[in-house]
Amino acid sequence: MEKENSDEFYARLREQLLENTTWPSDYLYKFIVPTDEKRIAQINNIFDNTGAVIESKKSKKGTYTSISITVHLNDPDEVIAKYKEAALVEGVISL
């Protein structure tokens, strides 16, 4: 994602989260990563020590792994910070 587009995306996301959610709140992240233990561990480590509930499931062919993470956060800025960390993992797709 280009820097300008990602800034716009995060600004819109922040507005939507402020309008539609009462904070603090549980937030559900969904990521798809190529099935690779290192990349899956990178995503898991982002949420280490947060009390997050993490579920992962491999695709039918085992090429990709979907990761669902539910975590209690204080505000939209925390949500966005985790998305930005996850964006650094090679091949990750945020849903």
N, C-alpha and C. Protein backbone atom coordinates (compact mmCIF):
# COMPACT_ATOMS: atom_id res chain seq x y z
N MET A 1 0.85 -1.17 0.00
CA MET A 1 0.00 0.00 0.00
C MET A 1 0.90 1.24 0.00
N GLU A 2 0.58 2.19 -0.85
CA GLU A 2 1.37 3.42 -0.88
C GLU A 2 1.14 4.21 0.40
N LYS A 3 2.15 4.98 0.78
CA LYS A 3 2.10 5.74 2.04
C LYS A 3 0.86 6.64 2.11
N GLU A 4 0.62 7.40 1.05
CA GLU A 4 -0.52 8.34 1.04
C GLU A 4 -1.83 7.58 1.19
N ASN A 5 -1.98 6.49 0.43
CA ASN A 5 -3.20 5.70 0.51
C ASN A 5 -3.37 5.08 1.88
N SER A 6 -2.27 4.61 2.47
CA SER A 6 -2.39 3.99 3.78
C SER A 6 -2.75 5.04 4.84
N ASP A 7 -2.21 6.25 4.73
CA ASP A 7 -2.57 7.32 5.67
C ASP A 7 -4.06 7.63 5.58
N GLU A 8 -4.58 7.71 4.35
CA GLU A 8 -6.01 7.96 4.16
C GLU A 8 -6.84 6.81 4.72
N PHE A 9 -6.39 5.58 4.46
CA PHE A 9 -7.09 4.40 4.95
C PHE A 9 -7.18 4.42 6.47
N TYR A 10 -6.05 4.67 7.13
CA TYR A 10 -6.03 4.67 8.59
C TYR A 10 -6.85 5.82 9.17
N ALA A 11 -6.87 6.96 8.50
CA ALA A 11 -7.68 8.10 8.96
C ALA A 11 -9.17 7.74 8.89
N ARG A 12 -9.59 7.11 7.79
CA ARG A 12 -10.99 6.68 7.65
C ARG A 12 -11.33 5.61 8.69
N LEU A 13 -10.43 4.66 8.87
CA LEU A 13 -10.65 3.59 9.84
C LEU A 13 -10.81 4.18 11.23
N ARG A 14 -9.96 5.13 11.59
CA ARG A 14 -10.03 5.75 12.91
C ARG A 14 -11.39 6.42 13.11
N GLU A 15 -11.85 7.17 12.09
CA GLU A 15 -13.17 7.82 12.18
C GLU A 15 -14.28 6.80 12.39
N GLN A 16 -14.24 5.73 11.60
CA GLN A 16 -15.28 4.69 11.70
C GLN A 16 -15.26 4.04 13.08
N LEU A 17 -14.06 3.76 13.59
CA LEU A 17 -13.97 3.14 14.90
C LEU A 17 -14.48 4.06 16.01
N LEU A 18 -14.22 5.35 15.88
CA LEU A 18 -14.71 6.31 16.87
C LEU A 18 -16.24 6.41 16.82
N GLU A 19 -16.79 6.38 15.61
CA GLU A 19 -18.24 6.53 15.45
C GLU A 19 -19.01 5.29 15.86
N ASN A 20 -18.46 4.11 15.56
CA ASN A 20 -19.23 2.88 15.66
C ASN A 20 -18.90 1.99 16.85
N THR A 21 -17.94 2.38 17.66
CA THR A 21 -17.50 1.51 18.75
C THR A 21 -17.38 2.30 20.04
N THR A 22 -17.78 1.68 21.13
CA THR A 22 -17.59 2.26 22.45
C THR A 22 -16.27 1.73 23.00
N TRP A 23 -15.37 2.63 23.37
CA TRP A 23 -14.03 2.23 23.82
C TRP A 23 -13.93 2.30 25.32
N PRO A 24 -13.13 1.44 25.97
CA PRO A 24 -12.37 0.32 25.40
C PRO A 24 -13.31 -0.79 24.89
N SER A 25 -12.79 -1.61 23.97
CA SER A 25 -13.61 -2.62 23.31
C SER A 25 -12.76 -3.78 22.81
N ASP A 26 -13.44 -4.91 22.58
CA ASP A 26 -12.77 -6.02 21.90
C ASP A 26 -12.75 -5.72 20.41
N TYR A 27 -11.64 -6.05 19.76
CA TYR A 27 -11.52 -5.82 18.32
C TYR A 27 -11.05 -7.11 17.67
N LEU A 28 -11.64 -7.44 16.52
CA LEU A 28 -11.28 -8.65 15.79
C LEU A 28 -10.44 -8.30 14.57
N TYR A 29 -9.22 -8.80 14.57
CA TYR A 29 -8.34 -8.67 13.41
C TYR A 29 -8.42 -9.96 12.61
N LYS A 30 -8.33 -9.83 11.29
CA LYS A 30 -8.23 -11.01 10.43
C LYS A 30 -7.08 -10.77 9.46
N PHE A 31 -6.17 -11.74 9.44
CA PHE A 31 -5.02 -11.67 8.55
C PHE A 31 -4.91 -12.96 7.77
N ILE A 32 -4.36 -12.86 6.56
CA ILE A 32 -4.00 -14.04 5.78
C ILE A 32 -2.51 -13.92 5.50
N VAL A 33 -1.78 -14.98 5.81
CA VAL A 33 -0.34 -15.00 5.56
C VAL A 33 0.02 -16.28 4.84
N PRO A 34 1.08 -16.24 4.02
CA PRO A 34 1.56 -17.49 3.45
C PRO A 34 1.91 -18.43 4.60
N THR A 35 1.58 -19.71 4.45
CA THR A 35 1.86 -20.67 5.53
C THR A 35 3.36 -20.82 5.68
N ASP A 36 3.87 -20.18 6.70
CA ASP A 36 5.30 -20.15 7.01
C ASP A 36 5.38 -19.85 8.49
N GLU A 37 5.97 -20.76 9.25
CA GLU A 37 6.00 -20.62 10.71
C GLU A 37 6.58 -19.28 11.16
N LYS A 38 7.58 -18.80 10.45
CA LYS A 38 8.22 -17.53 10.84
C LYS A 38 7.23 -16.37 10.72
N ARG A 39 6.50 -16.33 9.61
CA ARG A 39 5.54 -15.23 9.41
C ARG A 39 4.37 -15.32 10.38
N ILE A 40 3.89 -16.53 10.61
CA ILE A 40 2.79 -16.72 11.56
C ILE A 40 3.26 -16.29 12.95
N ALA A 41 4.48 -16.65 13.32
CA ALA A 41 5.03 -16.25 14.62
C ALA A 41 5.16 -14.74 14.72
N GLN A 42 5.53 -14.08 13.61
CA GLN A 42 5.65 -12.61 13.63
C GLN A 42 4.30 -11.98 13.97
N ILE A 43 3.23 -12.47 13.34
CA ILE A 43 1.89 -11.94 13.63
C ILE A 43 1.53 -12.22 15.09
N ASN A 44 1.74 -13.46 15.53
CA ASN A 44 1.41 -13.81 16.92
C ASN A 44 2.18 -12.94 17.91
N ASN A 45 3.45 -12.66 17.61
CA ASN A 45 4.29 -11.88 18.52
C ASN A 45 3.79 -10.44 18.69
N ILE A 46 3.15 -9.90 17.67
CA ILE A 46 2.60 -8.54 17.74
C ILE A 46 1.58 -8.45 18.88
N PHE A 47 0.88 -9.56 19.10
CA PHE A 47 -0.18 -9.58 20.10
C PHE A 47 0.23 -10.30 21.38
N ASP A 48 1.52 -10.59 21.51
CA ASP A 48 2.04 -11.26 22.69
C ASP A 48 1.79 -10.38 23.92
N ASN A 49 1.43 -11.00 25.01
CA ASN A 49 1.20 -10.30 26.29
C ASN A 49 0.07 -9.27 26.24
N THR A 50 -0.90 -9.46 25.33
CA THR A 50 -2.04 -8.53 25.27
C THR A 50 -3.32 -9.21 25.74
N GLY A 51 -3.25 -10.51 26.04
CA GLY A 51 -4.46 -11.25 26.41
C GLY A 51 -5.31 -11.61 25.21
N ALA A 52 -4.73 -11.52 24.02
CA ALA A 52 -5.47 -11.79 22.78
C ALA A 52 -5.81 -13.28 22.65
N VAL A 53 -6.96 -13.54 22.04
CA VAL A 53 -7.35 -14.90 21.67
C VAL A 53 -7.01 -15.04 20.18
N ILE A 54 -6.12 -15.99 19.87
CA ILE A 54 -5.63 -16.15 18.51
C ILE A 54 -6.04 -17.52 17.97
N GLU A 55 -6.69 -17.49 16.81
CA GLU A 55 -7.08 -18.73 16.14
C GLU A 55 -6.49 -18.72 14.74
N SER A 56 -5.95 -19.86 14.32
CA SER A 56 -5.42 -19.92 12.96
C SER A 56 -5.93 -21.17 12.26
N LYS A 57 -6.05 -21.06 10.95
CA LYS A 57 -6.59 -22.16 10.15
C LYS A 57 -5.90 -22.14 8.80
N LYS A 58 -5.39 -23.30 8.38
CA LYS A 58 -4.73 -23.39 7.08
C LYS A 58 -5.77 -23.50 5.98
N SER A 59 -5.42 -22.99 4.80
CA SER A 59 -6.29 -23.12 3.64
C SER A 59 -6.34 -24.58 3.21
N LYS A 60 -7.26 -24.90 2.33
CA LYS A 60 -7.45 -26.28 1.89
C LYS A 60 -6.15 -26.89 1.36
N LYS A 61 -5.41 -26.14 0.57
CA LYS A 61 -4.15 -26.65 0.02
C LYS A 61 -2.97 -26.42 0.96
N GLY A 62 -3.20 -25.68 2.04
CA GLY A 62 -2.14 -25.44 3.01
C GLY A 62 -1.18 -24.33 2.62
N THR A 63 -1.49 -23.61 1.54
CA THR A 63 -0.61 -22.55 1.07
C THR A 63 -0.66 -21.31 1.95
N TYR A 64 -1.86 -21.02 2.45
CA TYR A 64 -2.07 -19.84 3.28
C TYR A 64 -2.65 -20.23 4.62
N THR A 65 -2.45 -19.36 5.60
CA THR A 65 -3.05 -19.54 6.91
C THR A 65 -3.82 -18.28 7.26
N SER A 66 -5.07 -18.46 7.67
CA SER A 66 -5.85 -17.30 8.14
C SER A 66 -5.70 -17.24 9.65
N ILE A 67 -5.52 -16.04 10.14
CA ILE A 67 -5.34 -15.82 11.57
C ILE A 67 -6.39 -14.82 12.03
N SER A 68 -7.19 -15.23 13.01
CA SER A 68 -8.18 -14.34 13.62
C SER A 68 -7.72 -14.04 15.03
N ILE A 69 -7.71 -12.77 15.37
CA ILE A 69 -7.22 -12.35 16.68
C ILE A 69 -8.23 -11.41 17.31
N THR A 70 -8.71 -11.78 18.48
CA THR A 70 -9.61 -10.92 19.24
C THR A 70 -8.83 -10.39 20.44
N VAL A 71 -8.81 -9.08 20.57
CA VAL A 71 -8.03 -8.46 21.64
C VAL A 71 -8.77 -7.25 22.18
N HIS A 72 -8.65 -7.03 23.49
CA HIS A 72 -9.28 -5.89 24.14
C HIS A 72 -8.35 -4.68 24.05
N LEU A 73 -8.81 -3.62 23.40
CA LEU A 73 -7.98 -2.43 23.21
C LEU A 73 -8.69 -1.20 23.75
N ASN A 74 -7.90 -0.16 24.03
CA ASN A 74 -8.44 1.05 24.66
C ASN A 74 -9.02 2.07 23.70
N ASP A 75 -8.47 2.15 22.48
CA ASP A 75 -8.94 3.18 21.55
C ASP A 75 -8.52 2.84 20.12
N PRO A 76 -9.06 3.57 19.13
CA PRO A 76 -8.74 3.31 17.73
C PRO A 76 -7.25 3.40 17.41
N ASP A 77 -6.53 4.25 18.14
CA ASP A 77 -5.09 4.38 17.86
C ASP A 77 -4.36 3.07 18.13
N GLU A 78 -4.79 2.34 19.16
CA GLU A 78 -4.18 1.03 19.44
C GLU A 78 -4.48 0.04 18.32
N VAL A 79 -5.71 0.08 17.79
CA VAL A 79 -6.10 -0.79 16.67
C VAL A 79 -5.18 -0.52 15.48
N ILE A 80 -5.02 0.74 15.14
CA ILE A 80 -4.22 1.13 13.98
C ILE A 80 -2.75 0.78 14.17
N ALA A 81 -2.24 0.97 15.38
CA ALA A 81 -0.83 0.64 15.66
C ALA A 81 -0.55 -0.83 15.38
N LYS A 82 -1.48 -1.71 15.74
CA LYS A 82 -1.30 -3.15 15.50
C LYS A 82 -1.37 -3.46 14.00
N TYR A 83 -2.27 -2.79 13.28
CA TYR A 83 -2.32 -2.98 11.82
C TYR A 83 -1.00 -2.57 11.17
N LYS A 84 -0.44 -1.46 11.64
CA LYS A 84 0.83 -0.98 11.06
C LYS A 84 1.96 -1.95 11.35
N GLU A 85 1.98 -2.54 12.55
CA GLU A 85 3.00 -3.54 12.87
C GLU A 85 2.83 -4.77 11.97
N ALA A 86 1.59 -5.20 11.80
CA ALA A 86 1.33 -6.39 10.99
C ALA A 86 1.68 -6.16 9.52
N ALA A 87 1.53 -4.93 9.06
CA ALA A 87 1.84 -4.61 7.65
C ALA A 87 3.30 -4.84 7.32
N LEU A 88 4.16 -4.89 8.35
CA LEU A 88 5.59 -5.11 8.14
C LEU A 88 5.93 -6.57 7.90
N VAL A 89 4.98 -7.48 8.15
CA VAL A 89 5.21 -8.90 7.92
C VAL A 89 5.05 -9.17 6.43
N GLU A 90 6.08 -9.75 5.84
CA GLU A 90 6.10 -10.00 4.40
C GLU A 90 4.94 -10.90 3.98
N GLY A 91 4.17 -10.44 2.97
CA GLY A 91 3.10 -11.24 2.40
C GLY A 91 1.78 -11.22 3.14
N VAL A 92 1.69 -10.46 4.23
CA VAL A 92 0.46 -10.42 5.02
C VAL A 92 -0.63 -9.64 4.27
N ILE A 93 -1.86 -10.14 4.42
CA ILE A 93 -3.04 -9.43 3.90
C ILE A 93 -3.94 -9.18 5.09
N SER A 94 -4.28 -7.92 5.31
CA SER A 94 -5.21 -7.56 6.39
C SER A 94 -6.61 -7.49 5.82
N LEU A 95 -7.55 -8.14 6.50
CA LEU A 95 -8.94 -8.10 6.02
C LEU A 95 -9.78 -7.20 6.91
